[in-house]
Amino acid sequence: MRGNHEAPAVVAPIHKRSLHDQVADQVRDLIIEGHLEPGERIDEAALVDRLGVSRTPFREALRTLAAEGLIDIRPSRGAHVRRLSPDEVLSMLEVLGELERLAGRLAIARADEAALEKLLALHEEMMERYAVRERLEYYKLNQRFHSRVAELSANSTLLEVQANIQARLKRIRFIGNRDEEKWAAAVADHERMAEAIRGRDGSALGELLHTHLMATWERVRETL
């Protein structure tokens, strides 16, 4: 039996994500992996049943994905997976490439050593996922890597615009690594980025990020 003066056990707080965020994650993955195709109408009843949730968090999730630019919601027509034209994709990649060129330079100039080491650790996680060909997990880490470079630029305007464009290109970036040869080329790009980070060479990192983004266009243009 416990004594009356025994200190209570230390319990870590439980952090819960909202249900609609969890639903958004799952529907987003369905779009990214192509289970929901561009232009396809989202069957609300079927997905609500499949995910085992009510309509309220599901519709909140759809609004989140609409804000990210992944789906379109139209009155009386329901929600559809957004279809991007080749011109839209190219224009976004051109802007994103320039943004990340600047982000790379600023990140090396402004981030401290600890932050850059964490960025390299994120790169190593990507390489581990690549080694075992976990495509979706690699892709999510890849998105975090690019977002983190933008964060380390310490430029709030750059970060906001980069995040907006990156969200809209989620499906496009994923299909860019659909076959082994293209995926290997993208991984080689990231290995060179890691070398630039280790050498604290912001100009090199920026140029590599720009080249990497424009190579994405070459990898996806035939599919589009």
C-alpha atoms as a PDB file:
ATOM      1  CA  MET A   1       0.000   0.000   0.000  1.00  0.00           C
ATOM      2  CA  ARG A   2       1.298   3.488  -0.847  1.00  0.00           C
ATOM      3  CA  GLY A   3       2.210   5.834   1.938  1.00  0.00           C
ATOM      4  CA  ASN A   4       0.173   9.001   2.277  1.00  0.00           C
ATOM      5  CA  HIS A   5       3.191  11.188   1.560  1.00  0.00           C
ATOM      6  CA  GLU A   6       4.404   9.432  -1.574  1.00  0.00           C
ATOM      7  CA  ALA A   7       4.863  11.864  -4.469  1.00  0.00           C
ATOM      8  CA  PRO A   8       2.464  11.352  -7.359  1.00  0.00           C
ATOM      9  CA  ALA A   9       3.873   9.774 -10.493  1.00  0.00           C
ATOM     10  CA  VAL A  10       5.025  12.199 -13.160  1.00  0.00           C
ATOM     11  CA  VAL A  11       2.816  11.789 -16.219  1.00  0.00           C
ATOM     12  CA  ALA A  12       3.686  13.362 -19.556  1.00  0.00           C
ATOM     13  CA  PRO A  13       0.892  15.363 -21.168  1.00  0.00           C
ATOM     14  CA  ILE A  14      -0.973  13.643 -23.969  1.00  0.00           C
ATOM     15  CA  HIS A  15      -0.935  15.570 -27.224  1.00  0.00           C
ATOM     16  CA  LYS A  16      -3.924  14.791 -29.383  1.00  0.00           C
ATOM     17  CA  ARG A  17      -4.331  15.834 -32.974  1.00  0.00           C
ATOM     18  CA  SER A  18      -7.799  16.836 -34.069  1.00  0.00           C
ATOM     19  CA  LEU A  19      -9.820  14.205 -35.862  1.00  0.00           C
ATOM     20  CA  HIS A  20     -10.207  16.329 -38.948  1.00  0.00           C
ATOM     21  CA  ASP A  21      -6.394  16.709 -39.198  1.00  0.00           C
ATOM     22  CA  GLN A  22      -6.046  12.926 -39.106  1.00  0.00           C
ATOM     23  CA  VAL A  23      -8.726  12.555 -41.786  1.00  0.00           C
ATOM     24  CA  ALA A  24      -7.015  15.225 -43.894  1.00  0.00           C
ATOM     25  CA  ASP A  25      -3.731  13.297 -43.639  1.00  0.00           C
ATOM     26  CA  GLN A  26      -5.358  10.105 -44.907  1.00  0.00           C
ATOM     27  CA  VAL A  27      -7.241  11.742 -47.778  1.00  0.00           C
ATOM     28  CA  ARG A  28      -4.110  13.700 -48.700  1.00  0.00           C
ATOM     29  CA  ASP A  29      -2.153  10.445 -48.936  1.00  0.00           C
ATOM     30  CA  LEU A  30      -4.851   8.953 -51.178  1.00  0.00           C
ATOM     31  CA  ILE A  31      -4.452  11.919 -53.511  1.00  0.00           C
ATOM     32  CA  ILE A  32      -0.648  11.931 -53.428  1.00  0.00           C
ATOM     33  CA  GLU A  33      -0.405   8.201 -54.155  1.00  0.00           C
ATOM     34  CA  GLY A  34      -2.958   8.410 -56.959  1.00  0.00           C
ATOM     35  CA  HIS A  35      -5.759   6.397 -55.358  1.00  0.00           C
ATOM     36  CA  LEU A  36      -7.866   9.501 -55.958  1.00  0.00           C
ATOM     37  CA  GLU A  37      -7.045  10.692 -59.472  1.00  0.00           C
ATOM     38  CA  PRO A  38      -6.908  14.320 -60.717  1.00  0.00           C
ATOM     39  CA  GLY A  39     -10.392  15.382 -61.733  1.00  0.00           C
ATOM     40  CA  GLU A  40     -12.054  12.557 -59.799  1.00  0.00           C
ATOM     41  CA  ARG A  41     -15.107  13.379 -57.724  1.00  0.00           C
ATOM     42  CA  ILE A  42     -14.586  12.564 -54.048  1.00  0.00           C
ATOM     43  CA  ASP A  43     -17.227  10.069 -52.966  1.00  0.00           C
ATOM     44  CA  GLU A  44     -18.027  11.443 -49.527  1.00  0.00           C
ATOM     45  CA  ALA A  45     -20.303   8.593 -48.432  1.00  0.00           C
ATOM     46  CA  ALA A  46     -17.803   5.907 -49.425  1.00  0.00           C
ATOM     47  CA  LEU A  47     -14.819   7.612 -47.762  1.00  0.00           C
ATOM     48  CA  VAL A  48     -16.724   8.445 -44.584  1.00  0.00           C
ATOM     49  CA  ASP A  49     -17.589   4.757 -44.304  1.00  0.00           C
ATOM     50  CA  ARG A  50     -14.065   3.631 -45.203  1.00  0.00           C
ATOM     51  CA  LEU A  51     -12.423   5.941 -42.661  1.00  0.00           C
ATOM     52  CA  GLY A  52     -14.999   5.271 -39.970  1.00  0.00           C
ATOM     53  CA  VAL A  53     -15.705   8.926 -39.202  1.00  0.00           C
ATOM     54  CA  SER A  54     -18.728  11.188 -39.273  1.00  0.00           C
ATOM     55  CA  ARG A  55     -19.399  13.720 -42.008  1.00  0.00           C
ATOM     56  CA  THR A  56     -18.446  16.748 -39.903  1.00  0.00           C
ATOM     57  CA  PRO A  57     -14.684  16.028 -39.483  1.00  0.00           C
ATOM     58  CA  PHE A  58     -14.596  14.711 -43.053  1.00  0.00           C
ATOM     59  CA  ARG A  59     -15.961  17.966 -44.447  1.00  0.00           C
ATOM     60  CA  GLU A  60     -13.592  19.957 -42.253  1.00  0.00           C
ATOM     61  CA  ALA A  61     -10.745  17.875 -43.711  1.00  0.00           C
ATOM     62  CA  LEU A  62     -11.919  18.652 -47.241  1.00  0.00           C
ATOM     63  CA  ARG A  63     -11.849  22.364 -46.461  1.00  0.00           C
ATOM     64  CA  THR A  64      -8.257  21.975 -45.254  1.00  0.00           C
ATOM     65  CA  LEU A  65      -7.278  20.221 -48.489  1.00  0.00           C
ATOM     66  CA  ALA A  66      -9.092  22.847 -50.535  1.00  0.00           C
ATOM     67  CA  ALA A  67      -7.065  25.556 -48.776  1.00  0.00           C
ATOM     68  CA  GLU A  68      -3.904  23.623 -49.719  1.00  0.00           C
ATOM     69  CA  GLY A  69      -4.990  23.593 -53.349  1.00  0.00           C
ATOM     70  CA  LEU A  70      -5.316  19.806 -53.574  1.00  0.00           C
ATOM     71  CA  ILE A  71      -9.070  19.745 -54.173  1.00  0.00           C
ATOM     72  CA  ASP A  72     -11.801  22.022 -55.521  1.00  0.00           C
ATOM     73  CA  ILE A  73     -15.145  22.316 -53.756  1.00  0.00           C
ATOM     74  CA  ARG A  74     -17.974  23.635 -55.897  1.00  0.00           C
ATOM     75  CA  PRO A  75     -21.585  24.266 -54.876  1.00  0.00           C
ATOM     76  CA  SER A  76     -23.911  21.494 -56.085  1.00  0.00           C
ATOM     77  CA  ARG A  77     -20.989  19.635 -57.681  1.00  0.00           C
ATOM     78  CA  GLY A  78     -19.192  18.442 -54.567  1.00  0.00           C
ATOM     79  CA  ALA A  79     -15.446  18.072 -54.115  1.00  0.00           C
ATOM     80  CA  HIS A  80     -13.062  17.028 -56.891  1.00  0.00           C
ATOM     81  CA  VAL A  81      -9.327  16.342 -56.865  1.00  0.00           C
ATOM     82  CA  ARG A  82      -7.732  19.352 -58.473  1.00  0.00           C
ATOM     83  CA  ARG A  83      -6.265  18.817 -61.928  1.00  0.00           C
ATOM     84  CA  LEU A  84      -3.296  21.054 -62.727  1.00  0.00           C
ATOM     85  CA  SER A  85      -2.496  21.969 -66.303  1.00  0.00           C
ATOM     86  CA  PRO A  86       1.106  21.609 -67.556  1.00  0.00           C
ATOM     87  CA  ASP A  87       1.396  25.405 -67.731  1.00  0.00           C
ATOM     88  CA  GLU A  88       0.296  25.728 -64.093  1.00  0.00           C
ATOM     89  CA  VAL A  89       2.806  23.116 -62.965  1.00  0.00           C
ATOM     90  CA  LEU A  90       5.683  24.696 -64.882  1.00  0.00           C
ATOM     91  CA  SER A  91       4.893  28.192 -63.621  1.00  0.00           C
ATOM     92  CA  MET A  92       4.765  26.999 -60.011  1.00  0.00           C
ATOM     93  CA  LEU A  93       8.008  25.040 -60.324  1.00  0.00           C
ATOM     94  CA  GLU A  94       9.755  28.063 -61.856  1.00  0.00           C
ATOM     95  CA  VAL A  95       8.737  30.260 -58.936  1.00  0.00           C
ATOM     96  CA  LEU A  96       9.442  27.553 -56.362  1.00  0.00           C
ATOM     97  CA  GLY A  97      12.885  26.996 -57.858  1.00  0.00           C
ATOM     98  CA  GLU A  98      13.789  30.656 -57.478  1.00  0.00           C
ATOM     99  CA  LEU A  99      12.403  30.774 -53.938  1.00  0.00           C
ATOM    100  CA  GLU A 100      14.405  27.746 -52.866  1.00  0.00           C
ATOM    101  CA  ARG A 101      17.557  29.100 -54.511  1.00  0.00           C
ATOM    102  CA  LEU A 102      17.235  32.126 -52.215  1.00  0.00           C
ATOM    103  CA  ALA A 103      16.212  29.937 -49.255  1.00  0.00           C
ATOM    104  CA  GLY A 104      19.359  27.838 -49.604  1.00  0.00           C
ATOM    105  CA  ARG A 105      21.634  30.859 -49.548  1.00  0.00           C
ATOM    106  CA  LEU A 106      19.854  32.455 -46.607  1.00  0.00           C
ATOM    107  CA  ALA A 107      19.616  29.220 -44.605  1.00  0.00           C
ATOM    108  CA  ILE A 108      23.370  28.700 -44.619  1.00  0.00           C
ATOM    109  CA  ALA A 109      23.997  32.365 -43.803  1.00  0.00           C
ATOM    110  CA  ARG A 110      21.449  32.624 -40.988  1.00  0.00           C
ATOM    111  CA  ALA A 111      20.967  29.212 -39.374  1.00  0.00           C
ATOM    112  CA  ASP A 112      23.118  28.154 -36.445  1.00  0.00           C
ATOM    113  CA  GLU A 113      25.208  24.990 -36.392  1.00  0.00           C
ATOM    114  CA  ALA A 114      22.665  22.987 -34.425  1.00  0.00           C
ATOM    115  CA  ALA A 115      19.895  23.777 -36.922  1.00  0.00           C
ATOM    116  CA  LEU A 116      22.055  22.776 -39.881  1.00  0.00           C
ATOM    117  CA  GLU A 117      23.013  19.519 -38.174  1.00  0.00           C
ATOM    118  CA  LYS A 118      19.308  18.761 -37.679  1.00  0.00           C
ATOM    119  CA  LEU A 119      18.744  19.451 -41.375  1.00  0.00           C
ATOM    120  CA  LEU A 120      21.464  16.923 -42.207  1.00  0.00           C
ATOM    121  CA  ALA A 121      19.852  14.427 -39.831  1.00  0.00           C
ATOM    122  CA  LEU A 122      16.601  14.854 -41.753  1.00  0.00           C
ATOM    123  CA  HIS A 123      18.494  14.126 -44.964  1.00  0.00           C
ATOM    124  CA  GLU A 124      19.877  10.933 -43.431  1.00  0.00           C
ATOM    125  CA  GLU A 125      16.351   9.828 -42.507  1.00  0.00           C
ATOM    126  CA  MET A 126      15.384  10.304 -46.146  1.00  0.00           C
ATOM    127  CA  MET A 127      18.275   8.155 -47.276  1.00  0.00           C
ATOM    128  CA  GLU A 128      17.238   5.406 -44.849  1.00  0.00           C
ATOM    129  CA  ARG A 129      13.728   5.383 -46.304  1.00  0.00           C
ATOM    130  CA  TYR A 130      15.196   5.330 -49.820  1.00  0.00           C
ATOM    131  CA  ALA A 131      17.406   2.361 -48.961  1.00  0.00           C
ATOM    132  CA  VAL A 132      14.344   0.249 -48.151  1.00  0.00           C
ATOM    133  CA  ARG A 133      12.221   1.890 -50.902  1.00  0.00           C
ATOM    134  CA  GLU A 134       9.555   3.291 -48.598  1.00  0.00           C
ATOM    135  CA  ARG A 135       8.347   5.737 -51.206  1.00  0.00           C
ATOM    136  CA  LEU A 136       5.629   7.596 -49.296  1.00  0.00           C
ATOM    137  CA  GLU A 137       7.698   7.987 -46.125  1.00  0.00           C
ATOM    138  CA  TYR A 138      10.658   9.182 -48.200  1.00  0.00           C
ATOM    139  CA  TYR A 139       8.388  11.668 -49.935  1.00  0.00           C
ATOM    140  CA  LYS A 140       7.042  13.071 -46.650  1.00  0.00           C
ATOM    141  CA  LEU A 141      10.559  13.508 -45.299  1.00  0.00           C
ATOM    142  CA  ASN A 142      11.523  15.149 -48.575  1.00  0.00           C
ATOM    143  CA  GLN A 143       8.715  17.672 -48.144  1.00  0.00           C
ATOM    144  CA  ARG A 144       9.884  18.344 -44.576  1.00  0.00           C
ATOM    145  CA  PHE A 145      13.450  18.887 -45.818  1.00  0.00           C
ATOM    146  CA  HIS A 146      12.419  21.528 -48.346  1.00  0.00           C
ATOM    147  CA  SER A 147      10.106  23.182 -45.806  1.00  0.00           C
ATOM    148  CA  ARG A 148      12.893  23.210 -43.234  1.00  0.00           C
ATOM    149  CA  VAL A 149      15.308  24.938 -45.606  1.00  0.00           C
ATOM    150  CA  ALA A 150      12.659  27.617 -46.153  1.00  0.00           C
ATOM    151  CA  GLU A 151      12.164  27.961 -42.385  1.00  0.00           C
ATOM    152  CA  LEU A 152      15.902  28.349 -41.838  1.00  0.00           C
ATOM    153  CA  SER A 153      15.961  31.241 -44.306  1.00  0.00           C
ATOM    154  CA  ALA A 154      14.315  33.292 -41.528  1.00  0.00           C
ATOM    155  CA  ASN A 155      12.311  35.105 -44.195  1.00  0.00           C
ATOM    156  CA  SER A 156       8.613  34.949 -43.365  1.00  0.00           C
ATOM    157  CA  THR A 157       7.443  36.028 -46.826  1.00  0.00           C
ATOM    158  CA  LEU A 158       9.559  33.398 -48.536  1.00  0.00           C
ATOM    159  CA  LEU A 159       8.303  30.743 -46.124  1.00  0.00           C
ATOM    160  CA  GLU A 160       4.642  31.629 -46.690  1.00  0.00           C
ATOM    161  CA  VAL A 161       4.845  31.552 -50.488  1.00  0.00           C
ATOM    162  CA  GLN A 162       7.037  28.442 -50.555  1.00  0.00           C
ATOM    163  CA  ALA A 163       4.604  26.558 -48.317  1.00  0.00           C
ATOM    164  CA  ASN A 164       1.640  27.577 -50.466  1.00  0.00           C
ATOM    165  CA  ILE A 165       3.216  26.388 -53.721  1.00  0.00           C
ATOM    166  CA  GLN A 166       4.668  23.220 -52.209  1.00  0.00           C
ATOM    167  CA  ALA A 167       1.238  22.221 -50.880  1.00  0.00           C
ATOM    168  CA  ARG A 168      -0.348  22.562 -54.322  1.00  0.00           C
ATOM    169  CA  LEU A 169       2.391  20.478 -55.937  1.00  0.00           C
ATOM    170  CA  LYS A 170       2.251  17.526 -53.530  1.00  0.00           C
ATOM    171  CA  ARG A 171       0.875  15.010 -56.036  1.00  0.00           C
ATOM    172  CA  ILE A 172       3.135  16.289 -58.844  1.00  0.00           C
ATOM    173  CA  ARG A 173       6.280  16.000 -56.731  1.00  0.00           C
ATOM    174  CA  PHE A 174       5.345  12.457 -55.718  1.00  0.00           C
ATOM    175  CA  ILE A 175       4.855  11.175 -59.278  1.00  0.00           C
ATOM    176  CA  GLY A 176       8.183  12.728 -60.249  1.00  0.00           C
ATOM    177  CA  ASN A 177       9.875   9.865 -58.382  1.00  0.00           C
ATOM    178  CA  ARG A 178       7.565   7.136 -59.625  1.00  0.00           C
ATOM    179  CA  ASP A 179      10.178   5.063 -61.440  1.00  0.00           C
ATOM    180  CA  GLU A 180      13.521   3.936 -60.079  1.00  0.00           C
ATOM    181  CA  GLU A 181      15.719   5.910 -62.459  1.00  0.00           C
ATOM    182  CA  LYS A 182      13.996   9.226 -61.721  1.00  0.00           C
ATOM    183  CA  TRP A 183      13.930   8.546 -58.009  1.00  0.00           C
ATOM    184  CA  ALA A 184      17.653   7.731 -58.013  1.00  0.00           C
ATOM    185  CA  ALA A 185      18.366  11.006 -59.836  1.00  0.00           C
ATOM    186  CA  ALA A 186      16.403  12.948 -57.226  1.00  0.00           C
ATOM    187  CA  VAL A 187      18.280  11.170 -54.423  1.00  0.00           C
ATOM    188  CA  ALA A 188      21.596  12.050 -56.063  1.00  0.00           C
ATOM    189  CA  ASP A 189      20.496  15.695 -56.056  1.00  0.00           C
ATOM    190  CA  HIS A 190      19.835  15.486 -52.327  1.00  0.00           C
ATOM    191  CA  GLU A 191      23.193  13.875 -51.646  1.00  0.00           C
ATOM    192  CA  ARG A 192      24.840  16.865 -53.334  1.00  0.00           C
ATOM    193  CA  MET A 193      22.683  19.215 -51.241  1.00  0.00           C
ATOM    194  CA  ALA A 194      23.902  17.469 -48.107  1.00  0.00           C
ATOM    195  CA  GLU A 195      27.509  18.008 -49.200  1.00  0.00           C
ATOM    196  CA  ALA A 196      26.811  21.716 -49.697  1.00  0.00           C
ATOM    197  CA  ILE A 197      25.278  21.905 -46.209  1.00  0.00           C
ATOM    198  CA  ARG A 198      28.271  20.117 -44.673  1.00  0.00           C
ATOM    199  CA  GLY A 199      30.541  22.600 -46.437  1.00  0.00           C
ATOM    200  CA  ARG A 200      28.324  25.511 -45.336  1.00  0.00           C
ATOM    201  CA  ASP A 201      28.163  26.631 -48.979  1.00  0.00           C
ATOM    202  CA  GLY A 202      24.955  28.610 -49.358  1.00  0.00           C
ATOM    203  CA  SER A 203      25.467  29.499 -53.014  1.00  0.00           C
ATOM    204  CA  ALA A 204      25.970  25.851 -53.936  1.00  0.00           C
ATOM    205  CA  LEU A 205      22.954  24.758 -51.901  1.00  0.00           C
ATOM    206  CA  GLY A 206      20.770  27.387 -53.534  1.00  0.00           C
ATOM    207  CA  GLU A 207      21.826  26.410 -57.041  1.00  0.00           C
ATOM    208  CA  LEU A 208      21.303  22.724 -56.301  1.00  0.00           C
ATOM    209  CA  LEU A 209      17.801  23.378 -54.969  1.00  0.00           C
ATOM    210  CA  HIS A 210      16.929  25.383 -58.070  1.00  0.00           C
ATOM    211  CA  THR A 211      18.290  22.714 -60.418  1.00  0.00           C
ATOM    212  CA  HIS A 212      16.450  20.022 -58.468  1.00  0.00           C
ATOM    213  CA  LEU A 213      13.115  21.819 -58.780  1.00  0.00           C
ATOM    214  CA  MET A 214      13.520  22.376 -62.507  1.00  0.00           C
ATOM    215  CA  ALA A 215      14.492  18.706 -62.950  1.00  0.00           C
ATOM    216  CA  THR A 216      11.131  17.873 -61.390  1.00  0.00           C
ATOM    217  CA  TRP A 217       9.487  19.441 -64.437  1.00  0.00           C
ATOM    218  CA  GLU A 218      11.496  17.185 -66.747  1.00  0.00           C
ATOM    219  CA  ARG A 219      10.477  14.164 -64.681  1.00  0.00           C
ATOM    220  CA  VAL A 220       6.747  14.903 -64.775  1.00  0.00           C
ATOM    221  CA  ARG A 221       6.092  16.701 -68.066  1.00  0.00           C
ATOM    222  CA  GLU A 222       5.393  13.531 -70.063  1.00  0.00           C
ATOM    223  CA  THR A 223       2.916  12.333 -67.437  1.00  0.00           C
ATOM    224  CA  LEU A 224       1.097  15.666 -67.547  1.00  0.00           C
END
